[in-house]
Structures are given as C-alpha cells and as structure tokens.
C-alpha cells in the first residue's frame, strides 16, 4: 500500500507536553477521547492491510470550530501518536510532515499518509 486517506470527525484536541502528577503521568480525558477517535478511523482505513513502513510523508489538515489559539504542532502530536501500531510501527518513520489549520463548520482532521521514495 502506497498511500492512505481518512477523516476524523470531531473537534481536534492538542496534546501538550506530558504532565507528571503524583503516581505517574496525566493526559486529559478530552485528549484521550480524540486519540481514540483517530485510532478508530485509522483502523477502519487500514482494514486488513500491513503496516506502512518509512520513509513516510504525512499531511494533516485540521478544521477547528472556532478561532481559539492552539499550536499546530500540538495538534499533530496526539494525532500522530494515535496512528502508532495501526498505520505505521512508530511515528519516527515520518520524514515529511505538512500541517495546516483553519476554522470551519465541519470540524475534524483529514489525514494523508504516503510511502516516500527512499
């Protein structure tokens, strides 16, 4: 498989730096829910195909419901992490990453993953 495309419906959630609390780390419930939605759509898109292997190019177009200030790189972190073990072994195989964000009535993220020529 040379390429993959899928859309995740819902308000994208940024994954910020890992927070340490007594007894371990903490990820907010909204970020966990977003990552589960991404993982689910990635599984559907992959079907019974084998994991993609690098070098990989990923394009993500985030559509937000409002003009809130959110770092684009933080939006990509959780989304990429959600695809580990589903689309590719690990997101370290991604050698090209193109990101965009805009405000739209249809919130979510469109994800394209391509196998790049070595």
PDB file of N, CA and C in Angstrom:
ATOM      1  N   UNK A   1       0.840  -1.166   0.000  1.00  0.00           N
ATOM      2  CA  UNK A   1       0.000   0.000   0.000  1.00  0.00           C
ATOM      3  C   UNK A   1       0.895   1.242   0.000  1.00  0.00           C
ATOM      4  N   UNK A   2       0.661   2.101  -0.945  1.00  0.00           N
ATOM      5  CA  UNK A   2       1.480   3.297  -1.107  1.00  0.00           C
ATOM      6  C   UNK A   2       0.908   4.520  -0.405  1.00  0.00           C
ATOM      7  N   UNK A   3      -0.413   4.565  -0.187  1.00  0.00           N
ATOM      8  CA  UNK A   3      -0.994   5.748   0.441  1.00  0.00           C
ATOM      9  C   UNK A   3      -2.265   5.384   1.212  1.00  0.00           C
ATOM     10  N   UNK A   4      -2.630   6.289   2.110  1.00  0.00           N
ATOM     11  CA  UNK A   4      -3.795   6.100   2.962  1.00  0.00           C
ATOM     12  C   UNK A   4      -4.440   7.464   3.178  1.00  0.00           C
ATOM     13  N   UNK A   5      -5.757   7.480   3.245  1.00  0.00           N
ATOM     14  CA  UNK A   5      -6.513   8.711   3.459  1.00  0.00           C
ATOM     15  C   UNK A   5      -7.650   8.403   4.420  1.00  0.00           C
ATOM     16  N   UNK A   6      -7.863   9.275   5.398  1.00  0.00           N
ATOM     17  CA  UNK A   6      -9.053   9.155   6.238  1.00  0.00           C
ATOM     18  C   UNK A   6      -9.377  10.497   6.892  1.00  0.00           C
ATOM     19  N   UNK A   7     -10.615  10.612   7.357  1.00  0.00           N
ATOM     20  CA  UNK A   7     -11.094  11.811   8.025  1.00  0.00           C
ATOM     21  C   UNK A   7     -11.588  11.436   9.415  1.00  0.00           C
ATOM     22  N   UNK A   8     -11.265  12.252  10.400  1.00  0.00           N
ATOM     23  CA  UNK A   8     -11.739  12.054  11.765  1.00  0.00           C
ATOM     24  C   UNK A   8     -12.653  13.225  12.100  1.00  0.00           C
ATOM     25  N   UNK A   9     -13.896  12.916  12.374  1.00  0.00           N
ATOM     26  CA  UNK A   9     -14.888  13.928  12.718  1.00  0.00           C
ATOM     27  C   UNK A   9     -14.770  14.283  14.198  1.00  0.00           C
ATOM     28  N   UNK A  10     -14.903  15.541  14.523  1.00  0.00           N
ATOM     29  CA  UNK A  10     -14.859  15.982  15.910  1.00  0.00           C
ATOM     30  C   UNK A  10     -13.832  17.083  16.097  1.00  0.00           C
ATOM     31  N   UNK A  11     -13.945  17.791  17.194  1.00  0.00           N
ATOM     32  CA  UNK A  11     -13.036  18.901  17.474  1.00  0.00           C
ATOM     33  C   UNK A  11     -11.643  18.360  17.809  1.00  0.00           C
ATOM     34  N   UNK A  12     -10.633  18.681  16.996  1.00  0.00           N
ATOM     35  CA  UNK A  12      -9.272  18.217  17.280  1.00  0.00           C
ATOM     36  C   UNK A  12      -8.771  18.754  18.618  1.00  0.00           C
ATOM     37  N   UNK A  13      -8.065  17.908  19.336  1.00  0.00           N
ATOM     38  CA  UNK A  13      -7.529  18.268  20.649  1.00  0.00           C
ATOM     39  C   UNK A  13      -6.014  18.236  20.629  1.00  0.00           C
ATOM     40  N   UNK A  14      -5.374  19.304  21.078  1.00  0.00           N
ATOM     41  CA  UNK A  14      -3.912  19.333  21.109  1.00  0.00           C
ATOM     42  C   UNK A  14      -3.366  18.476  22.247  1.00  0.00           C
ATOM     43  N   UNK A  15      -2.275  17.786  21.982  1.00  0.00           N
ATOM     44  CA  UNK A  15      -1.588  17.026  23.018  1.00  0.00           C
ATOM     45  C   UNK A  15      -0.374  17.834  23.423  1.00  0.00           C
ATOM     46  N   UNK A  16      -0.425  18.348  24.624  1.00  0.00           N
ATOM     47  CA  UNK A  16       0.680  19.168  25.100  1.00  0.00           C
ATOM     48  C   UNK A  16       1.687  18.290  25.811  1.00  0.00           C
ATOM     49  N   UNK A  17       2.734  18.896  26.298  1.00  0.00           N
ATOM     50  CA  UNK A  17       3.777  18.157  26.984  1.00  0.00           C
ATOM     51  C   UNK A  17       3.180  17.294  28.094  1.00  0.00           C
ATOM     52  N   UNK A  18       3.773  16.124  28.273  1.00  0.00           N
ATOM     53  CA  UNK A  18       3.326  15.168  29.269  1.00  0.00           C
ATOM     54  C   UNK A  18       3.374  15.803  30.652  1.00  0.00           C
ATOM     55  N   UNK A  19       2.292  15.700  31.382  1.00  0.00           N
ATOM     56  CA  UNK A  19       2.234  16.278  32.726  1.00  0.00           C
ATOM     57  C   UNK A  19       2.439  15.176  33.761  1.00  0.00           C
ATOM     58  N   UNK A  20       3.320  15.437  34.689  1.00  0.00           N
ATOM     59  CA  UNK A  20       3.555  14.494  35.771  1.00  0.00           C
ATOM     60  C   UNK A  20       2.721  14.880  36.977  1.00  0.00           C
ATOM     61  N   UNK A  21       2.069  13.895  37.542  1.00  0.00           N
ATOM     62  CA  UNK A  21       1.322  14.072  38.777  1.00  0.00           C
ATOM     63  C   UNK A  21       1.764  12.959  39.720  1.00  0.00           C
ATOM     64  N   UNK A  22       1.380  13.056  40.954  1.00  0.00           N
ATOM     65  CA  UNK A  22       1.757  12.026  41.926  1.00  0.00           C
ATOM     66  C   UNK A  22       1.324  10.646  41.420  1.00  0.00           C
ATOM     67  N   UNK A  23       2.276   9.752  41.316  1.00  0.00           N
ATOM     68  CA  UNK A  23       1.968   8.395  40.875  1.00  0.00           C
ATOM     69  C   UNK A  23       2.118   8.177  39.379  1.00  0.00           C
ATOM     70  N   UNK A  24       2.517   9.183  38.600  1.00  0.00           N
ATOM     71  CA  UNK A  24       2.712   8.959  37.165  1.00  0.00           C
ATOM     72  C   UNK A  24       2.341  10.159  36.330  1.00  0.00           C
ATOM     73  N   UNK A  25       2.022   9.896  35.083  1.00  0.00           N
ATOM     74  CA  UNK A  25       1.705  10.966  34.145  1.00  0.00           C
ATOM     75  C   UNK A  25       0.217  11.149  33.984  1.00  0.00           C
ATOM     76  N   UNK A  26      -0.152  12.231  33.305  1.00  0.00           N
ATOM     77  CA  UNK A  26      -1.554  12.577  33.142  1.00  0.00           C
ATOM     78  C   UNK A  26      -1.814  13.072  31.725  1.00  0.00           C
ATOM     79  N   UNK A  27      -2.834  12.527  31.115  1.00  0.00           N
ATOM     80  CA  UNK A  27      -3.339  13.018  29.829  1.00  0.00           C
ATOM     81  C   UNK A  27      -4.825  13.285  30.029  1.00  0.00           C
ATOM     82  N   UNK A  28      -5.298  14.448  29.614  1.00  0.00           N
ATOM     83  CA  UNK A  28      -6.696  14.813  29.845  1.00  0.00           C
ATOM     84  C   UNK A  28      -7.652  13.868  29.117  1.00  0.00           C
ATOM     85  N   UNK A  29      -8.853  13.775  29.638  1.00  0.00           N
ATOM     86  CA  UNK A  29      -9.884  12.905  29.052  1.00  0.00           C
ATOM     87  C   UNK A  29     -10.228  13.332  27.635  1.00  0.00           C
ATOM     88  N   UNK A  30     -10.246  14.641  27.362  1.00  0.00           N
ATOM     89  CA  UNK A  30     -10.589  15.097  26.017  1.00  0.00           C
ATOM     90  C   UNK A  30      -9.511  14.697  25.000  1.00  0.00           C
ATOM     91  N   UNK A  31      -8.250  14.728  25.417  1.00  0.00           N
ATOM     92  CA  UNK A  31      -7.161  14.301  24.519  1.00  0.00           C
ATOM     93  C   UNK A  31      -7.243  12.798  24.296  1.00  0.00           C
ATOM     94  N   UNK A  32      -7.500  12.035  25.347  1.00  0.00           N
ATOM     95  CA  UNK A  32      -7.640  10.577  25.205  1.00  0.00           C
ATOM     96  C   UNK A  32      -8.780  10.234  24.255  1.00  0.00           C
ATOM     97  N   UNK A  33      -9.911  10.922  24.397  1.00  0.00           N
ATOM     98  CA  UNK A  33     -11.061  10.663  23.521  1.00  0.00           C
ATOM     99  C   UNK A  33     -10.716  10.987  22.072  1.00  0.00           C
ATOM    100  N   UNK A  34      -9.995  12.100  21.846  1.00  0.00           N
ATOM    101  CA  UNK A  34      -9.587  12.462  20.492  1.00  0.00           C
ATOM    102  C   UNK A  34      -8.664  11.382  19.915  1.00  0.00           C
ATOM    103  N   UNK A  35      -7.699  10.930  20.702  1.00  0.00           N
ATOM    104  CA  UNK A  35      -6.768   9.916  20.220  1.00  0.00           C
ATOM    105  C   UNK A  35      -7.486   8.599  19.918  1.00  0.00           C
ATOM    106  N   UNK A  36      -8.471   8.247  20.703  1.00  0.00           N
ATOM    107  CA  UNK A  36      -9.254   7.036  20.432  1.00  0.00           C
ATOM    108  C   UNK A  36     -10.034   7.175  19.130  1.00  0.00           C
ATOM    109  N   UNK A  37     -10.583   8.353  18.865  1.00  0.00           N
ATOM    110  CA  UNK A  37     -11.315   8.589  17.613  1.00  0.00           C
ATOM    111  C   UNK A  37     -10.379   8.478  16.419  1.00  0.00           C
ATOM    112  N   UNK A  38      -9.186   9.040  16.538  1.00  0.00           N
ATOM    113  CA  UNK A  38      -8.198   8.945  15.444  1.00  0.00           C
ATOM    114  C   UNK A  38      -7.816   7.486  15.224  1.00  0.00           C
ATOM    115  N   UNK A  39      -7.516   6.776  16.300  1.00  0.00           N
ATOM    116  CA  UNK A  39      -7.119   5.368  16.185  1.00  0.00           C
ATOM    117  C   UNK A  39      -8.224   4.546  15.517  1.00  0.00           C
ATOM    118  N   UNK A  40      -9.463   4.789  15.896  1.00  0.00           N
ATOM    119  CA  UNK A  40     -10.592   4.049  15.324  1.00  0.00           C
ATOM    120  C   UNK A  40     -10.691   4.276  13.814  1.00  0.00           C
ATOM    121  N   UNK A  41     -10.631   5.542  13.389  1.00  0.00           N
ATOM    122  CA  UNK A  41     -10.729   5.844  11.961  1.00  0.00           C
ATOM    123  C   UNK A  41      -9.517   5.301  11.197  1.00  0.00           C
ATOM    124  N   UNK A  42      -8.353   5.322  11.813  1.00  0.00           N
ATOM    125  CA  UNK A  42      -7.153   4.769  11.177  1.00  0.00           C
ATOM    126  C   UNK A  42      -7.308   3.266  10.978  1.00  0.00           C
ATOM    127  N   UNK A  43      -7.854   2.562  11.970  1.00  0.00           N
ATOM    128  CA  UNK A  43      -8.078   1.116  11.860  1.00  0.00           C
ATOM    129  C   UNK A  43      -9.048   0.810  10.725  1.00  0.00           C
ATOM    130  N   UNK A  44     -10.108   1.592  10.635  1.00  0.00           N
ATOM    131  CA  UNK A  44     -11.083   1.388   9.554  1.00  0.00           C
ATOM    132  C   UNK A  44     -10.418   1.597   8.199  1.00  0.00           C
ATOM    133  N   UNK A  45      -9.635   2.668   8.065  1.00  0.00           N
ATOM    134  CA  UNK A  45      -8.976   2.972   6.794  1.00  0.00           C
ATOM    135  C   UNK A  45      -7.952   1.902   6.423  1.00  0.00           C
ATOM    136  N   UNK A  46      -7.251   1.371   7.396  1.00  0.00           N
ATOM    137  CA  UNK A  46      -6.226   0.350   7.132  1.00  0.00           C
ATOM    138  C   UNK A  46      -6.846  -0.987   6.746  1.00  0.00           C
ATOM    139  N   UNK A  47      -7.997  -1.299   7.311  1.00  0.00           N
ATOM    140  CA  UNK A  47      -8.603  -2.596   7.022  1.00  0.00           C
ATOM    141  C   UNK A  47      -7.669  -3.713   7.428  1.00  0.00           C
ATOM    142  N   UNK A  48      -7.430  -4.642   6.502  1.00  0.00           N
ATOM    143  CA  UNK A  48      -6.545  -5.775   6.802  1.00  0.00           C
ATOM    144  C   UNK A  48      -5.153  -5.597   6.201  1.00  0.00           C
ATOM    145  N   UNK A  49      -4.808  -4.385   5.815  1.00  0.00           N
ATOM    146  CA  UNK A  49      -3.502  -4.113   5.212  1.00  0.00           C
ATOM    147  C   UNK A  49      -2.373  -4.143   6.236  1.00  0.00           C
ATOM    148  N   UNK A  50      -1.177  -4.377   5.749  1.00  0.00           N
ATOM    149  CA  UNK A  50       0.020  -4.387   6.576  1.00  0.00           C
ATOM    150  C   UNK A  50       0.395  -2.961   6.971  1.00  0.00           C
ATOM    151  N   UNK A  51       1.145  -2.822   8.055  1.00  0.00           N
ATOM    152  CA  UNK A  51       1.637  -1.516   8.468  1.00  0.00           C
ATOM    153  C   UNK A  51       2.459  -0.889   7.349  1.00  0.00           C
ATOM    154  N   UNK A  52       2.333   0.407   7.206  1.00  0.00           N
ATOM    155  CA  UNK A  52       3.152   1.134   6.236  1.00  0.00           C
ATOM    156  C   UNK A  52       4.537   1.308   6.856  1.00  0.00           C
ATOM    157  N   UNK A  53       5.579   1.309   6.020  1.00  0.00           N
ATOM    158  CA  UNK A  53       6.923   1.495   6.558  1.00  0.00           C
ATOM    159  C   UNK A  53       7.603   2.640   5.832  1.00  0.00           C
ATOM    160  N   UNK A  54       8.501   3.298   6.562  1.00  0.00           N
ATOM    161  CA  UNK A  54       9.123   4.538   6.110  1.00  0.00           C
ATOM    162  C   UNK A  54      10.148   4.383   5.039  1.00  0.00           C
ATOM    163  N   UNK A  55      10.542   5.517   4.498  1.00  0.00           N
ATOM    164  CA  UNK A  55      10.166   6.856   4.921  1.00  0.00           C
ATOM    165  C   UNK A  55       8.719   7.194   4.527  1.00  0.00           C
ATOM    166  N   UNK A  56       8.049   7.904   5.419  1.00  0.00           N
ATOM    167  CA  UNK A  56       6.641   8.242   5.219  1.00  0.00           C
ATOM    168  C   UNK A  56       6.436   9.749   5.204  1.00  0.00           C
ATOM    169  N   UNK A  57       5.498  10.182   4.382  1.00  0.00           N
ATOM    170  CA  UNK A  57       5.072  11.573   4.362  1.00  0.00           C
ATOM    171  C   UNK A  57       3.655  11.645   4.905  1.00  0.00           C
ATOM    172  N   UNK A  58       3.402  12.577   5.795  1.00  0.00           N
ATOM    173  CA  UNK A  58       2.072  12.741   6.377  1.00  0.00           C
ATOM    174  C   UNK A  58       1.623  14.176   6.161  1.00  0.00           C
ATOM    175  N   UNK A  59       0.372  14.319   5.721  1.00  0.00           N
ATOM    176  CA  UNK A  59      -0.266  15.625   5.597  1.00  0.00           C
ATOM    177  C   UNK A  59      -1.504  15.597   6.474  1.00  0.00           C
ATOM    178  N   UNK A  60      -1.671  16.627   7.297  1.00  0.00           N
ATOM    179  CA  UNK A  60      -2.848  16.720   8.156  1.00  0.00           C
ATOM    180  C   UNK A  60      -3.444  18.112   8.033  1.00  0.00           C
ATOM    181  N   UNK A  61      -4.733  18.169   7.734  1.00  0.00           N
ATOM    182  CA  UNK A  61      -5.453  19.441   7.633  1.00  0.00           C
ATOM    183  C   UNK A  61      -6.496  19.455   8.750  1.00  0.00           C
ATOM    184  N   UNK A  62      -6.242  20.277   9.762  1.00  0.00           N
ATOM    185  CA  UNK A  62      -7.129  20.389  10.915  1.00  0.00           C
ATOM    186  C   UNK A  62      -8.169  21.469  10.654  1.00  0.00           C
ATOM    187  N   UNK A  63      -9.424  21.144  10.970  1.00  0.00           N
ATOM    188  CA  UNK A  63     -10.519  22.105  10.857  1.00  0.00           C
ATOM    189  C   UNK A  63     -11.093  22.313  12.244  1.00  0.00           C
ATOM    190  N   UNK A  64     -10.939  23.517  12.743  1.00  0.00           N
ATOM    191  CA  UNK A  64     -11.358  23.855  14.102  1.00  0.00           C
ATOM    192  C   UNK A  64     -12.687  24.585  14.097  1.00  0.00           C
ATOM    193  N   UNK A  65     -13.434  24.438  15.177  1.00  0.00           N
ATOM    194  CA  UNK A  65     -14.751  25.050  15.262  1.00  0.00           C
ATOM    195  C   UNK A  65     -14.744  26.520  15.626  1.00  0.00           C
ATOM    196  N   UNK A  66     -13.604  27.019  16.112  1.00  0.00           N
ATOM    197  CA  UNK A  66     -13.519  28.431  16.464  1.00  0.00           C
ATOM    198  C   UNK A  66     -12.078  28.907  16.318  1.00  0.00           C
ATOM    199  N   UNK A  67     -11.864  30.171  16.570  1.00  0.00           N
ATOM    200  CA  UNK A  67     -10.540  30.757  16.360  1.00  0.00           C
ATOM    201  C   UNK A  67      -9.666  30.688  17.608  1.00  0.00           C
ATOM    202  N   UNK A  68      -9.917  29.707  18.464  1.00  0.00           N
ATOM    203  CA  UNK A  68      -9.101  29.609  19.675  1.00  0.00           C
ATOM    204  C   UNK A  68      -7.633  29.435  19.310  1.00  0.00           C
ATOM    205  N   UNK A  69      -6.800  29.898  20.187  1.00  0.00           N
ATOM    206  CA  UNK A  69      -5.362  29.791  19.945  1.00  0.00           C
ATOM    207  C   UNK A  69      -4.912  28.391  20.311  1.00  0.00           C
ATOM    208  N   UNK A  70      -4.399  27.688  19.343  1.00  0.00           N
ATOM    209  CA  UNK A  70      -3.907  26.332  19.568  1.00  0.00           C
ATOM    210  C   UNK A  70      -2.691  26.126  18.664  1.00  0.00           C
ATOM    211  N   UNK A  71      -1.645  25.549  19.248  1.00  0.00           N
ATOM    212  CA  UNK A  71      -0.427  25.292  18.481  1.00  0.00           C
ATOM    213  C   UNK A  71      -0.639  24.141  17.513  1.00  0.00           C
ATOM    214  N   UNK A  72      -0.295  24.372  16.283  1.00  0.00           N
ATOM    215  CA  UNK A  72      -0.454  23.359  15.243  1.00  0.00           C
ATOM    216  C   UNK A  72       0.382  22.123  15.538  1.00  0.00           C
ATOM    217  N   UNK A  73       1.599  22.308  16.057  1.00  0.00           N
ATOM    218  CA  UNK A  73       2.435  21.147  16.357  1.00  0.00           C
ATOM    219  C   UNK A  73       1.825  20.295  17.471  1.00  0.00           C
ATOM    220  N   UNK A  74       1.140  20.910  18.434  1.00  0.00           N
ATOM    221  CA  UNK A  74       0.485  20.130  19.479  1.00  0.00           C
ATOM    222  C   UNK A  74      -0.716  19.354  18.942  1.00  0.00           C
ATOM    223  N   UNK A  75      -1.400  19.905  17.945  1.00  0.00           N
ATOM    224  CA  UNK A  75      -2.478  19.161  17.303  1.00  0.00           C
ATOM    225  C   UNK A  75      -1.936  17.904  16.618  1.00  0.00           C
ATOM    226  N   UNK A  76      -0.766  18.034  16.000  1.00  0.00           N
ATOM    227  CA  UNK A  76      -0.197  16.899  15.257  1.00  0.00           C
ATOM    228  C   UNK A  76       0.315  15.796  16.173  1.00  0.00           C
ATOM    229  N   UNK A  77       0.811  16.147  17.362  1.00  0.00           N
ATOM    230  CA  UNK A  77       1.414  15.157  18.266  1.00  0.00           C
ATOM    231  C   UNK A  77       0.467  14.019  18.616  1.00  0.00           C
ATOM    232  N   UNK A  78      -0.687  14.370  19.136  1.00  0.00           N
ATOM    233  CA  UNK A  78      -1.640  13.342  19.535  1.00  0.00           C
ATOM    234  C   UNK A  78      -2.175  12.547  18.359  1.00  0.00           C
ATOM    235  N   UNK A  79      -2.356  13.225  17.241  1.00  0.00           N
ATOM    236  CA  UNK A  79      -2.876  12.553  16.048  1.00  0.00           C
ATOM    237  C   UNK A  79      -1.863  11.542  15.521  1.00  0.00           C
ATOM    238  N   UNK A  80      -0.599  11.936  15.435  1.00  0.00           N
ATOM    239  CA  UNK A  80       0.447  11.004  15.011  1.00  0.00           C
ATOM    240  C   UNK A  80       0.597   9.845  15.992  1.00  0.00           C
ATOM    241  N   UNK A  81       0.633  10.151  17.283  1.00  0.00           N
ATOM    242  CA  UNK A  81       0.771   9.099  18.289  1.00  0.00           C
ATOM    243  C   UNK A  81      -0.348   8.072  18.183  1.00  0.00           C
ATOM    244  N   UNK A  82      -1.534   8.516  17.827  1.00  0.00           N
ATOM    245  CA  UNK A  82      -2.688   7.624  17.714  1.00  0.00           C
ATOM    246  C   UNK A  82      -2.555   6.618  16.582  1.00  0.00           C
ATOM    247  N   UNK A  83      -1.705   6.918  15.627  1.00  0.00           N
ATOM    248  CA  UNK A  83      -1.530   6.020  14.477  1.00  0.00           C
ATOM    249  C   UNK A  83      -0.420   5.003  14.690  1.00  0.00           C
ATOM    250  N   UNK A  84       0.362   5.153  15.774  1.00  0.00           N
ATOM    251  CA  UNK A  84       1.424   4.191  16.080  1.00  0.00           C
ATOM    252  C   UNK A  84       0.839   2.793  16.252  1.00  0.00           C
ATOM    253  N   UNK A  85       1.436   1.814  15.577  1.00  0.00           N
ATOM    254  CA  UNK A  85       0.984   0.439  15.679  1.00  0.00           C
ATOM    255  C   UNK A  85      -0.262   0.134  14.871  1.00  0.00           C
ATOM    256  N   UNK A  86      -0.835   1.133  14.222  1.00  0.00           N
ATOM    257  CA  UNK A  86      -2.034   0.943  13.397  1.00  0.00           C
ATOM    258  C   UNK A  86      -1.723   1.223  11.931  1.00  0.00           C
ATOM    259  N   UNK A  87      -1.168   2.398  11.665  1.00  0.00           N
ATOM    260  CA  UNK A  87      -0.808   2.792  10.302  1.00  0.00           C
ATOM    261  C   UNK A  87       0.664   2.489  10.039  1.00  0.00           C
ATOM    262  N   UNK A  88       1.502   2.810  11.012  1.00  0.00           N
ATOM    263  CA  UNK A  88       2.941   2.556  10.925  1.00  0.00           C
ATOM    264  C   UNK A  88       3.409   2.052  12.282  1.00  0.00           C
ATOM    265  N   UNK A  89       4.598   1.464  12.301  1.00  0.00           N
ATOM    266  CA  UNK A  89       5.130   0.932  13.553  1.00  0.00           C
ATOM    267  C   UNK A  89       5.288   2.049  14.577  1.00  0.00           C
ATOM    268  N   UNK A  90       5.926   3.147  14.150  1.00  0.00           N
ATOM    269  CA  UNK A  90       6.163   4.273  15.046  1.00  0.00           C
ATOM    270  C   UNK A  90       6.247   5.539  14.211  1.00  0.00           C
ATOM    271  N   UNK A  91       5.823   6.665  14.791  1.00  0.00           N
ATOM    272  CA  UNK A  91       5.839   7.913  14.037  1.00  0.00           C
ATOM    273  C   UNK A  91       7.238   8.453  13.780  1.00  0.00           C
ATOM    274  N   UNK A  92       8.267   7.779  14.285  1.00  0.00           N
ATOM    275  CA  UNK A  92       9.635   8.159  13.926  1.00  0.00           C
ATOM    276  C   UNK A  92       9.923   7.859  12.459  1.00  0.00           C
ATOM    277  N   UNK A  93       9.078   7.053  11.805  1.00  0.00           N
ATOM    278  CA  UNK A  93       9.233   6.743  10.383  1.00  0.00           C
ATOM    279  C   UNK A  93       8.772   7.892   9.487  1.00  0.00           C
ATOM    280  N   UNK A  94       8.095   8.876  10.071  1.00  0.00           N
ATOM    281  CA  UNK A  94       7.618  10.028   9.313  1.00  0.00           C
ATOM    282  C   UNK A  94       8.799  10.968   9.072  1.00  0.00           C
ATOM    283  N   UNK A  95       9.126  11.174   7.793  1.00  0.00           N
ATOM    284  CA  UNK A  95      10.252  12.040   7.433  1.00  0.00           C
ATOM    285  C   UNK A  95       9.795  13.352   6.815  1.00  0.00           C
ATOM    286  N   UNK A  96       8.509  13.444   6.478  1.00  0.00           N
ATOM    287  CA  UNK A  96       7.936  14.671   5.933  1.00  0.00           C
ATOM    288  C   UNK A  96       6.578  14.876   6.577  1.00  0.00           C
ATOM    289  N   UNK A  97       6.364  16.077   7.112  1.00  0.00           N
ATOM    290  CA  UNK A  97       5.116  16.375   7.800  1.00  0.00           C
ATOM    291  C   UNK A  97       4.622  17.740   7.355  1.00  0.00           C
ATOM    292  N   UNK A  98       3.441  17.770   6.756  1.00  0.00           N
ATOM    293  CA  UNK A  98       2.833  19.017   6.286  1.00  0.00           C
ATOM    294  C   UNK A  98       1.536  19.213   7.062  1.00  0.00           C
ATOM    295  N   UNK A  99       1.429  20.375   7.726  1.00  0.00           N
ATOM    296  CA  UNK A  99       0.294  20.654   8.595  1.00  0.00           C
ATOM    297  C   UNK A  99      -0.405  21.937   8.194  1.00  0.00           C
ATOM    298  N   UNK A 100      -1.721  21.961   8.382  1.00  0.00           N
ATOM    299  CA  UNK A 100      -2.475  23.193   8.197  1.00  0.00           C
ATOM    300  C   UNK A 100      -3.654  23.183   9.161  1.00  0.00           C
ATOM    301  N   UNK A 101      -4.173  24.390   9.439  1.00  0.00           N
ATOM    302  CA  UNK A 101      -5.371  24.502  10.269  1.00  0.00           C
ATOM    303  C   UNK A 101      -6.200  25.672   9.765  1.00  0.00           C
ATOM    304  N   UNK A 102      -7.496  25.549   9.954  1.00  0.00           N
ATOM    305  CA  UNK A 102      -8.414  26.619   9.590  1.00  0.00           C
ATOM    306  C   UNK A 102      -9.662  26.480  10.452  1.00  0.00           C
ATOM    307  N   UNK A 103     -10.512  27.484  10.404  1.00  0.00           N
ATOM    308  CA  UNK A 103     -11.798  27.434  11.093  1.00  0.00           C
ATOM    309  C   UNK A 103     -12.842  27.008  10.079  1.00  0.00           C
ATOM    310  N   UNK A 104     -13.687  26.059  10.461  1.00  0.00           N
ATOM    311  CA  UNK A 104     -14.673  25.509   9.529  1.00  0.00           C
ATOM    312  C   UNK A 104     -15.864  24.996  10.334  1.00  0.00           C
ATOM    313  N   UNK A 105     -17.018  24.926   9.689  1.00  0.00           N
ATOM    314  CA  UNK A 105     -18.195  24.349  10.346  1.00  0.00           C
ATOM    315  C   UNK A 105     -18.048  22.837  10.505  1.00  0.00           C
ATOM    316  N   UNK A 106     -17.372  22.188   9.570  1.00  0.00           N
ATOM    317  CA  UNK A 106     -17.139  20.743   9.634  1.00  0.00           C
ATOM    318  C   UNK A 106     -15.796  20.518  10.321  1.00  0.00           C
ATOM    319  N   UNK A 107     -15.819  20.270  11.639  1.00  0.00           N
ATOM    320  CA  UNK A 107     -14.582  20.128  12.394  1.00  0.00           C
ATOM    321  C   UNK A 107     -14.013  18.713  12.265  1.00  0.00           C
ATOM    322  N   UNK A 108     -12.695  18.614  12.410  1.00  0.00           N
ATOM    323  CA  UNK A 108     -12.024  17.324  12.346  1.00  0.00           C
ATOM    324  C   UNK A 108     -10.651  17.465  11.729  1.00  0.00           C
ATOM    325  N   UNK A 109     -10.133  16.352  11.270  1.00  0.00           N
ATOM    326  CA  UNK A 109      -8.832  16.358  10.603  1.00  0.00           C
ATOM    327  C   UNK A 109      -8.878  15.393   9.428  1.00  0.00           C
ATOM    328  N   UNK A 110      -8.297  15.830   8.333  1.00  0.00           N
ATOM    329  CA  UNK A 110      -8.096  14.979   7.178  1.00  0.00           C
ATOM    330  C   UNK A 110      -6.640  14.544   7.207  1.00  0.00           C
ATOM    331  N   UNK A 111      -6.409  13.245   7.095  1.00  0.00           N
ATOM    332  CA  UNK A 111      -5.062  12.687   7.195  1.00  0.00           C
ATOM    333  C   UNK A 111      -4.716  11.946   5.906  1.00  0.00           C
ATOM    334  N   UNK A 112      -3.541  12.260   5.357  1.00  0.00           N
ATOM    335  CA  UNK A 112      -2.985  11.555   4.204  1.00  0.00           C
ATOM    336  C   UNK A 112      -1.631  11.001   4.633  1.00  0.00           C
ATOM    337  N   UNK A 113      -1.377   9.734   4.350  1.00  0.00           N
ATOM    338  CA  UNK A 113      -0.081   9.133   4.633  1.00  0.00           C
ATOM    339  C   UNK A 113       0.406   8.495   3.339  1.00  0.00           C
ATOM    340  N   UNK A 114       1.624   8.837   2.931  1.00  0.00           N
ATOM    341  CA  UNK A 114       2.205   8.308   1.707  1.00  0.00           C
ATOM    342  C   UNK A 114       3.554   7.673   1.993  1.00  0.00           C
ATOM    343  N   UNK A 115       3.842   6.564   1.307  1.00  0.00           N
ATOM    344  CA  UNK A 115       5.183   5.989   1.349  1.00  0.00           C
ATOM    345  C   UNK A 115       6.022   6.789   0.376  1.00  0.00           C
ATOM    346  N   UNK A 116       7.123   7.334   0.863  1.00  0.00           N
ATOM    347  CA  UNK A 116       8.009   8.151   0.034  1.00  0.00           C
ATOM    348  C   UNK A 116       9.099   7.288  -0.569  1.00  0.00           C
ATOM    349  N   UNK A 117       9.643   7.757  -1.666  1.00  0.00           N
ATOM    350  CA  UNK A 117      10.753   7.057  -2.277  1.00  0.00           C
ATOM    351  C   UNK A 117      11.982   7.195  -1.394  1.00  0.00           C
ATOM    352  N   UNK A 118      12.724   6.142  -1.258  1.00  0.00           N
ATOM    353  CA  UNK A 118      13.924   6.161  -0.390  1.00  0.00           C
ATOM    354  C   UNK A 118      15.004   7.030  -0.989  1.00  0.00           C
TER     355      UNK A 118
END
